[in-house]
């Protein structure tokens, strides 16, 4: 297998890490908020903005140019590009909201280091502020479930044999199909449950399901993305002209 890398790009490495960081930041923010430990909202805003910007930029480029189609995986441009763009835009929206809240509290002479006061205000305001966004998140969650089903049904995600580590399973496509589809699926389950979690009378079990789904997915996305820096570099070396 020979690939002309001068005509395409593969950057789902940083997309994977950014997705994982974004998911874990959401869980961490929620955990701090429930324990009244949120302070200095500008820091959280920047934390969400960085992976949000990366995912928006790379996701938009992927769905507009289809770079993976040039190496024989056009379906991956949909699978990775569209959810990345959607999640990136939502993270940017969260960053803007928190930045505006920070400015609002400054104008109201609220001490941004007073974690109890800041957290109490956010606990009252955020569920209503992000509820409209949660509907889009749930819709994308359904899309992720559909992608997971496609991954299983069509045995997608198998790496070429020239790729180190992942390529070991090239003759067993169902292995990576189950792994990636499961990862995408649990991310989708968390997204689907988000609007229900924001209800005033939300069942605590829903929060627990979202927390565990996104925590597991976040950690795996980061570790898998980090590993892929090695495997993708190896793939490029093994397939260069």
Protein backbone atom coordinates (compact mmCIF):
# COMPACT_ATOMS: atom_id res chain seq x y z
CA UNK A 1 0.00 0.00 0.00
CA UNK A 2 1.43 3.34 -1.13
CA UNK A 3 -0.18 6.69 -0.27
CA UNK A 4 0.64 10.10 -1.71
CA UNK A 5 0.57 12.08 1.55
CA UNK A 6 1.15 15.36 -0.27
CA UNK A 7 -2.51 15.42 -1.36
CA UNK A 8 -4.23 14.61 1.93
CA UNK A 9 -4.13 15.13 5.69
CA UNK A 10 -4.86 12.88 8.66
CA UNK A 11 -5.45 14.81 11.88
CA UNK A 12 -7.99 12.74 13.78
CA UNK A 13 -5.20 12.36 16.37
CA UNK A 14 -5.68 15.86 17.76
CA UNK A 15 -9.42 15.56 17.15
CA UNK A 16 -9.52 12.51 19.43
CA UNK A 17 -7.53 14.19 22.20
CA UNK A 18 -9.59 17.39 21.97
CA UNK A 19 -12.81 15.38 22.16
CA UNK A 20 -11.59 13.52 25.23
CA UNK A 21 -10.44 16.69 26.95
CA UNK A 22 -13.75 18.40 26.15
CA UNK A 23 -15.78 15.54 27.63
CA UNK A 24 -13.66 15.37 30.79
CA UNK A 25 -13.81 19.15 31.22
CA UNK A 26 -17.61 18.99 31.13
CA UNK A 27 -17.63 16.28 33.80
CA UNK A 28 -15.05 18.14 35.90
CA UNK A 29 -16.97 21.39 35.66
CA UNK A 30 -20.19 19.64 36.72
CA UNK A 31 -18.41 17.96 39.64
CA UNK A 32 -16.91 21.24 40.86
CA UNK A 33 -20.26 22.97 40.45
CA UNK A 34 -22.13 20.40 42.53
CA UNK A 35 -19.54 20.83 45.30
CA UNK A 36 -19.71 24.66 45.10
CA UNK A 37 -16.05 24.87 44.03
CA UNK A 38 -16.34 26.87 40.78
CA UNK A 39 -14.37 30.11 40.64
CA UNK A 40 -12.52 32.23 38.06
CA UNK A 41 -14.83 31.52 35.14
CA UNK A 42 -12.37 32.93 32.60
CA UNK A 43 -10.13 29.91 33.17
CA UNK A 44 -12.98 27.49 32.51
CA UNK A 45 -13.99 29.51 29.45
CA UNK A 46 -10.49 29.21 27.99
CA UNK A 47 -10.41 25.52 28.90
CA UNK A 48 -13.53 24.90 26.82
CA UNK A 49 -12.49 27.29 24.03
CA UNK A 50 -9.19 25.57 23.20
CA UNK A 51 -10.55 22.10 22.31
CA UNK A 52 -13.66 23.79 20.91
CA UNK A 53 -11.60 25.83 18.47
CA UNK A 54 -9.50 22.83 17.42
CA UNK A 55 -12.57 20.65 16.82
CA UNK A 56 -14.44 23.39 14.97
CA UNK A 57 -11.48 24.09 12.69
CA UNK A 58 -10.55 20.49 11.94
CA UNK A 59 -14.15 19.27 11.77
CA UNK A 60 -15.13 22.01 9.33
CA UNK A 61 -12.09 21.34 7.15
CA UNK A 62 -12.81 17.60 7.14
CA UNK A 63 -16.45 17.86 6.10
CA UNK A 64 -15.70 20.48 3.45
CA UNK A 65 -12.66 18.82 1.84
CA UNK A 66 -13.04 15.10 2.66
CA UNK A 67 -9.27 14.46 3.08
CA UNK A 68 -9.73 10.83 4.15
CA UNK A 69 -11.49 10.02 0.89
CA UNK A 70 -8.12 10.44 -0.82
CA UNK A 71 -6.72 7.42 1.05
CA UNK A 72 -9.76 5.19 0.64
CA UNK A 73 -11.85 6.04 3.71
CA UNK A 74 -14.48 8.59 2.58
CA UNK A 75 -16.99 7.45 5.22
CA UNK A 76 -14.54 8.51 7.95
CA UNK A 77 -14.93 12.12 6.85
CA UNK A 78 -18.56 11.90 7.95
CA UNK A 79 -17.89 9.76 11.02
CA UNK A 80 -15.16 11.97 12.47
CA UNK A 81 -15.71 15.33 10.79
CA UNK A 82 -19.35 16.09 11.47
CA UNK A 83 -19.51 15.13 15.17
CA UNK A 84 -16.21 16.96 15.78
CA UNK A 85 -17.57 20.13 14.21
CA UNK A 86 -20.78 19.90 16.23
CA UNK A 87 -18.98 19.27 19.53
CA UNK A 88 -16.46 22.00 18.80
CA UNK A 89 -19.16 24.60 18.21
CA UNK A 90 -20.96 23.55 21.41
CA UNK A 91 -17.74 23.86 23.42
CA UNK A 92 -17.19 27.33 21.97
CA UNK A 93 -20.75 28.24 22.94
CA UNK A 94 -20.04 27.07 26.50
CA UNK A 95 -16.86 29.14 26.55
CA UNK A 96 -18.67 32.27 25.39
CA UNK A 97 -21.45 31.75 27.94
CA UNK A 98 -19.01 31.38 30.84
CA UNK A 99 -16.98 34.38 29.67
CA UNK A 100 -20.13 36.50 29.55
CA UNK A 101 -21.18 35.24 32.99
CA UNK A 102 -17.79 36.24 34.33
CA UNK A 103 -18.16 39.77 32.95
CA UNK A 104 -21.71 39.95 34.31
CA UNK A 105 -20.60 38.98 37.82
CA UNK A 106 -17.75 41.49 37.71
CA UNK A 107 -20.24 44.26 36.87
CA UNK A 108 -22.37 43.09 39.80
CA UNK A 109 -19.32 43.36 42.11
CA UNK A 110 -19.36 39.64 42.87
CA UNK A 111 -16.01 38.26 44.00
CA UNK A 112 -14.94 35.75 41.35
CA UNK A 113 -12.89 33.92 43.98
CA UNK A 114 -15.99 33.33 46.10
CA UNK A 115 -16.63 29.80 44.88
CA UNK A 116 -19.81 29.34 46.92
CA UNK A 117 -21.46 32.51 45.58
CA UNK A 118 -20.39 31.83 41.98
CA UNK A 119 -21.52 28.21 42.15
CA UNK A 120 -24.90 29.07 43.65
CA UNK A 121 -25.57 31.57 40.87
CA UNK A 122 -24.52 29.12 38.16
CA UNK A 123 -26.62 26.32 39.65
CA UNK A 124 -29.67 28.54 39.29
CA UNK A 125 -28.88 29.99 35.87
CA UNK A 126 -27.02 27.39 33.81
CA UNK A 127 -29.72 24.69 33.49
CA UNK A 128 -31.99 27.19 31.76
CA UNK A 129 -29.19 28.85 29.78
CA UNK A 130 -27.89 25.63 28.22
CA UNK A 131 -31.19 23.81 27.80
CA UNK A 132 -31.62 24.96 24.15
CA UNK A 133 -28.08 23.77 23.38
CA UNK A 134 -28.83 20.42 25.03
CA UNK A 135 -31.46 19.65 22.39
CA UNK A 136 -28.84 19.88 19.64
CA UNK A 137 -26.50 17.76 21.76
CA UNK A 138 -29.22 15.10 22.08
CA UNK A 139 -29.83 15.15 18.32
CA UNK A 140 -26.12 14.64 17.71
CA UNK A 141 -26.25 11.85 20.28
CA UNK A 142 -28.76 10.08 18.07
CA UNK A 143 -26.38 10.60 15.15
CA UNK A 144 -23.57 9.02 17.18
CA UNK A 145 -25.74 5.98 17.91
CA UNK A 146 -26.42 5.71 14.18
CA UNK A 147 -22.69 5.92 13.46
CA UNK A 148 -22.04 3.21 16.05
CA UNK A 149 -24.61 0.95 14.40
CA UNK A 150 -23.01 1.59 11.00
CA UNK A 151 -19.61 0.76 12.46
CA UNK A 152 -20.86 -2.63 13.65
CA UNK A 153 -23.06 -3.34 10.63
CA UNK A 154 -20.43 -2.50 8.01
CA UNK A 155 -17.37 -3.44 10.11
CA UNK A 156 -15.78 -0.01 9.80
CA UNK A 157 -12.73 1.47 11.57
CA UNK A 158 -10.30 -1.34 10.67
CA UNK A 159 -6.78 0.05 10.29
CA UNK A 160 -4.66 -1.00 7.29
CA UNK A 161 -1.99 -3.64 8.03
CA UNK A 162 0.73 -1.04 7.44
CA UNK A 163 -0.36 0.84 10.58
CA UNK A 164 1.54 -0.24 13.72
CA UNK A 165 -0.45 -1.73 16.64
CA UNK A 166 -3.94 -1.14 15.18
CA UNK A 167 -2.93 -2.84 11.93
CA UNK A 168 -2.38 -6.06 13.87
CA UNK A 169 -6.16 -6.51 13.77
CA UNK A 170 -6.51 -5.75 10.05
CA UNK A 171 -7.69 -9.32 9.40
CA UNK A 172 -10.19 -9.07 12.26
CA UNK A 173 -12.17 -5.92 11.38
CA UNK A 174 -14.84 -6.67 13.95
CA UNK A 175 -12.35 -5.98 16.79
CA UNK A 176 -11.86 -2.30 16.02
CA UNK A 177 -15.46 -2.02 14.81
CA UNK A 178 -16.72 -3.08 18.25
CA UNK A 179 -14.16 -0.92 20.07
CA UNK A 180 -14.80 2.30 18.15
CA UNK A 181 -18.55 1.77 17.86
CA UNK A 182 -18.78 1.18 21.60
CA UNK A 183 -16.77 4.32 22.29
CA UNK A 184 -18.91 6.43 19.98
CA UNK A 185 -22.07 4.79 21.31
CA UNK A 186 -21.49 5.60 24.98
CA UNK A 187 -20.66 9.18 24.03
CA UNK A 188 -23.98 9.34 22.20
CA UNK A 189 -25.89 7.92 25.18
CA UNK A 190 -24.54 10.70 27.39
CA UNK A 191 -25.51 13.34 24.83
CA UNK A 192 -29.04 11.96 24.43
CA UNK A 193 -29.59 12.11 28.20
CA UNK A 194 -28.32 15.69 28.57
CA UNK A 195 -31.73 17.45 28.25
CA UNK A 196 -33.25 15.07 30.79
CA UNK A 197 -30.37 15.69 33.19
CA UNK A 198 -31.09 19.43 33.15
CA UNK A 199 -34.69 19.07 34.33
CA UNK A 200 -35.52 20.44 37.79
CA UNK A 201 -36.72 17.03 38.94
CA UNK A 202 -34.06 15.02 37.10
CA UNK A 203 -33.44 11.51 38.34
CA UNK A 204 -29.95 11.35 39.93
CA UNK A 205 -29.40 8.09 38.05
CA UNK A 206 -29.44 10.04 34.78
CA UNK A 207 -26.62 12.26 36.01
CA UNK A 208 -24.66 9.18 37.00
CA UNK A 209 -25.10 7.57 33.58
CA UNK A 210 -23.95 10.75 31.80
CA UNK A 211 -21.01 11.09 34.18
CA UNK A 212 -19.77 7.54 33.69
CA UNK A 213 -20.39 7.47 29.93
CA UNK A 214 -18.47 10.69 29.31
CA UNK A 215 -15.72 9.93 31.82
CA UNK A 216 -14.98 6.56 30.24
CA UNK A 217 -15.26 7.98 26.72
CA UNK A 218 -13.10 10.99 27.57
CA UNK A 219 -10.27 8.91 29.01
CA UNK A 220 -10.36 6.44 26.11
CA UNK A 221 -10.45 9.20 23.47
CA UNK A 222 -7.36 10.80 25.01
CA UNK A 223 -5.41 7.55 25.33
CA UNK A 224 -6.42 6.36 21.86
CA UNK A 225 -5.56 9.72 20.31
CA UNK A 226 -2.18 9.77 22.04
CA UNK A 227 -1.42 6.24 20.83
CA UNK A 228 -2.43 7.21 17.30
CA UNK A 229 0.37 9.78 17.14
CA UNK A 230 2.71 6.78 17.11
CA UNK A 231 0.57 4.58 14.87
CA UNK A 232 -0.20 7.30 12.32
CA UNK A 233 3.44 8.35 12.08
CA UNK A 234 4.26 4.69 11.50
CA UNK A 235 1.54 4.42 8.86
CA UNK A 236 2.94 7.42 7.01
CA UNK A 237 6.48 6.01 7.11
CA UNK A 238 5.30 2.58 5.95
CA UNK A 239 3.25 3.92 3.03
CA UNK A 240 5.34 6.81 1.69
CA UNK A 241 6.28 6.76 -1.97
